[in-house]
Amino acid sequence: MTREEKSKVIDDLTAQLADNSNIYLADISGLDAGTTSNLRRACYKANVSLAVVKNTLLSKAMESSDKDFGNLPEVLKGNTSIMFSETGNGPAKVIKEFRKKAEKPLLKGAFIEEAIFVGDEMLDTLVSIKSKEEVIGDIIGLLQSPAKNVVSALKSGGGKIAGILKTLSEKEG
């Protein structure tokens, strides 16, 4: 690879790092071609982008990025694949599901909306992260609940009030 080609790859990786707020680093070394193809298919179905990258080029892209990757560059050893996703837990779910049939991919680390996770033991934590849309949905559900209770109380209470008023008016008459 020439110096110009390396520079272009670093620029492309830097742009991808800037455009994505959910970045996973995984080790898929040792997977045969068929298994790797199945992993790529699983990623595609989950809207997860998967690419194998050179550690030195990714490290330089991380350095030139505006984001603070903390100690994430330290995990760039051995074979590294990078995964991008719109949802914070998308790649974690793909990895966890895929590991039911294979030993890899292993999670090296992740950058999720400014938070940094390092190590394969963080996989379950990452799977349980809710997406922005899920959190907004939960909040809307919580906000709607008291309003629904008030409306239903007024509806059921309205009949009681009318009944009480009717009874009172009959007594006076």
Protein backbone atom coordinates (compact mmCIF):
# COMPACT_ATOMS: atom_id res chain seq x y z
CA MET A 1 0.00 0.00 0.00
CA THR A 2 1.48 3.34 -1.01
CA ARG A 3 1.66 6.37 1.25
CA GLU A 4 -1.13 8.05 -0.74
CA GLU A 5 -3.37 4.99 -0.44
CA LYS A 6 -2.77 4.84 3.32
CA SER A 7 -3.55 8.54 3.61
CA LYS A 8 -6.82 8.06 1.71
CA VAL A 9 -7.82 5.10 3.92
CA ILE A 10 -7.07 7.15 7.05
CA ASP A 11 -9.15 10.06 5.70
CA ASP A 12 -12.04 7.69 4.87
CA LEU A 13 -11.88 6.07 8.32
CA THR A 14 -11.74 9.50 10.01
CA ALA A 15 -14.87 10.54 8.09
CA GLN A 16 -16.67 7.33 9.10
CA LEU A 17 -15.70 7.86 12.75
CA ALA A 18 -17.06 11.42 12.56
CA ASP A 19 -20.33 10.32 10.92
CA ASN A 20 -21.12 7.52 13.38
CA SER A 21 -21.86 7.76 17.09
CA ASN A 22 -22.00 3.97 17.60
CA ILE A 23 -18.70 2.26 16.82
CA TYR A 24 -17.74 -1.29 17.78
CA LEU A 25 -14.34 -2.96 17.52
CA ALA A 26 -14.38 -6.74 17.29
CA ASP A 27 -12.02 -9.64 16.68
CA ILE A 28 -13.21 -12.01 13.95
CA SER A 29 -9.86 -13.72 13.34
CA GLY A 30 -10.00 -17.43 12.78
CA LEU A 31 -13.46 -17.41 11.19
CA ASP A 32 -13.52 -19.32 7.91
CA ALA A 33 -14.89 -17.73 4.73
CA GLY A 34 -18.36 -19.24 5.13
CA THR A 35 -18.74 -18.15 8.75
CA THR A 36 -17.44 -14.67 7.93
CA SER A 37 -19.97 -14.48 5.10
CA ASN A 38 -22.76 -15.48 7.51
CA LEU A 39 -21.60 -12.77 9.94
CA ARG A 40 -21.65 -10.18 7.16
CA ARG A 41 -25.21 -11.28 6.25
CA ALA A 42 -26.32 -11.02 9.89
CA CYS A 43 -24.81 -7.54 10.11
CA TYR A 44 -26.50 -6.46 6.87
CA LYS A 45 -29.92 -7.64 8.14
CA ALA A 46 -29.41 -5.65 11.36
CA ASN A 47 -28.28 -2.49 9.49
CA VAL A 48 -24.77 -2.86 10.86
CA SER A 49 -21.78 -2.01 8.66
CA LEU A 50 -18.79 -4.38 9.09
CA ALA A 51 -15.28 -3.85 7.75
CA VAL A 52 -11.85 -5.31 8.53
CA VAL A 53 -9.32 -2.55 9.21
CA LYS A 54 -5.59 -2.25 9.79
CA ASN A 55 -4.90 -1.30 13.40
CA THR A 56 -2.28 1.35 12.58
CA LEU A 57 -4.56 3.09 10.08
CA LEU A 58 -7.54 3.01 12.46
CA SER A 59 -5.36 4.30 15.28
CA LYS A 60 -4.24 7.25 13.15
CA ALA A 61 -7.85 7.91 12.13
CA MET A 62 -8.87 7.93 15.81
CA GLU A 63 -6.06 10.40 16.58
CA SER A 64 -7.15 12.77 13.81
CA SER A 65 -10.83 12.49 14.77
CA ASP A 66 -12.58 15.16 16.84
CA LYS A 67 -13.93 12.46 19.17
CA ASP A 68 -12.24 11.38 22.38
CA PHE A 69 -11.81 7.62 22.13
CA GLY A 70 -10.12 7.40 25.57
CA ASN A 71 -8.33 4.09 25.99
CA LEU A 72 -10.05 2.45 22.99
CA PRO A 73 -6.90 2.66 20.75
CA GLU A 74 -5.17 0.38 23.29
CA VAL A 75 -7.35 -2.57 22.16
CA LEU A 76 -6.07 -2.29 18.58
CA LYS A 77 -3.98 -5.44 18.63
CA GLY A 78 -4.32 -8.51 16.44
CA ASN A 79 -7.16 -8.74 13.93
CA THR A 80 -9.67 -5.87 14.19
CA SER A 81 -13.03 -5.37 12.53
CA ILE A 82 -15.02 -2.20 12.88
CA MET A 83 -18.81 -2.11 13.09
CA PHE A 84 -21.00 0.97 12.62
CA SER A 85 -24.68 1.18 13.50
CA GLU A 86 -27.50 3.68 13.92
CA THR A 87 -28.53 1.99 17.17
CA GLY A 88 -26.24 1.65 20.16
CA ASN A 89 -27.08 -1.98 20.83
CA GLY A 90 -27.37 -3.25 17.23
CA PRO A 91 -23.84 -4.65 16.84
CA ALA A 92 -23.90 -6.08 20.38
CA LYS A 93 -27.08 -8.01 19.57
CA VAL A 94 -25.54 -9.33 16.32
CA ILE A 95 -22.38 -10.44 18.16
CA LYS A 96 -24.33 -12.11 20.98
CA GLU A 97 -26.65 -13.93 18.57
CA PHE A 98 -23.77 -15.01 16.33
CA ARG A 99 -21.82 -16.36 19.29
CA LYS A 100 -24.54 -18.93 19.90
CA LYS A 101 -23.07 -20.78 16.90
CA ALA A 102 -19.43 -19.64 16.88
CA GLU A 103 -16.74 -18.58 19.37
CA LYS A 104 -16.23 -15.24 17.67
CA PRO A 105 -16.60 -12.33 17.11
CA LEU A 106 -15.11 -11.15 20.38
CA LEU A 107 -15.88 -7.62 21.48
CA LYS A 108 -12.71 -5.56 21.87
CA GLY A 109 -14.43 -2.29 22.67
CA ALA A 110 -17.16 0.15 21.72
CA PHE A 111 -17.79 3.88 21.49
CA ILE A 112 -21.49 4.58 22.10
CA GLU A 113 -22.64 8.21 22.06
CA GLU A 114 -19.45 9.44 23.82
CA ALA A 115 -19.31 6.49 26.28
CA ILE A 116 -16.45 4.01 25.99
CA PHE A 117 -16.70 0.31 26.76
CA VAL A 118 -13.64 -1.96 26.72
CA GLY A 119 -13.59 -5.75 26.83
CA ASP A 120 -15.75 -8.69 25.81
CA GLU A 121 -17.34 -8.80 29.28
CA MET A 122 -19.19 -5.57 28.40
CA LEU A 123 -21.27 -7.35 25.71
CA ASP A 124 -24.33 -7.98 27.93
CA THR A 125 -24.27 -4.37 29.12
CA LEU A 126 -24.19 -3.15 25.52
CA VAL A 127 -27.03 -5.48 24.46
CA SER A 128 -29.27 -3.93 27.13
CA ILE A 129 -28.60 -0.32 26.07
CA LYS A 130 -31.76 1.26 24.72
CA SER A 131 -31.77 3.25 21.52
CA LYS A 132 -32.72 6.92 21.54
CA GLU A 133 -36.08 6.02 19.97
CA GLU A 134 -36.78 3.38 22.65
CA VAL A 135 -36.00 5.86 25.45
CA ILE A 136 -38.23 8.51 23.85
CA GLY A 137 -41.01 5.91 23.52
CA ASP A 138 -40.64 4.99 27.21
CA ILE A 139 -40.83 8.66 28.23
CA ILE A 140 -43.91 9.28 26.07
CA GLY A 141 -45.56 6.20 27.57
CA LEU A 142 -44.82 7.43 31.09
CA LEU A 143 -46.14 10.90 30.30
CA GLN A 144 -49.33 9.54 28.73
CA SER A 145 -50.14 7.26 31.65
CA PRO A 146 -51.21 9.96 34.19
CA ALA A 147 -53.23 11.78 31.53
CA LYS A 148 -55.08 8.58 30.64
CA ASN A 149 -55.81 7.96 34.33
CA VAL A 150 -57.29 11.45 34.74
CA VAL A 151 -59.44 11.09 31.62
CA SER A 152 -60.75 7.67 32.66
CA ALA A 153 -61.43 8.90 36.20
CA LEU A 154 -63.38 11.86 34.82
CA LYS A 155 -65.36 9.60 32.50
CA SER A 156 -66.28 7.12 35.22
CA GLY A 157 -66.65 9.83 37.83
CA GLY A 158 -68.91 11.82 35.50
CA GLY A 159 -71.56 9.09 35.70
CA LYS A 160 -71.31 9.02 39.50
CA ILE A 161 -71.64 12.79 39.76
CA ALA A 162 -74.64 12.80 37.44
CA GLY A 163 -76.21 9.98 39.47
CA ILE A 164 -75.64 11.84 42.73
CA LEU A 165 -77.09 15.05 41.31
CA LYS A 166 -80.11 13.18 39.95
CA THR A 167 -80.73 11.50 43.32
CA LEU A 168 -80.38 14.81 45.16
CA SER A 169 -82.76 16.56 42.78
CA GLU A 170 -85.34 13.76 43.20
CA LYS A 171 -85.11 13.99 47.01
CA GLU A 172 -85.72 17.72 47.00
CA GLY A 173 -88.66 17.40 44.65
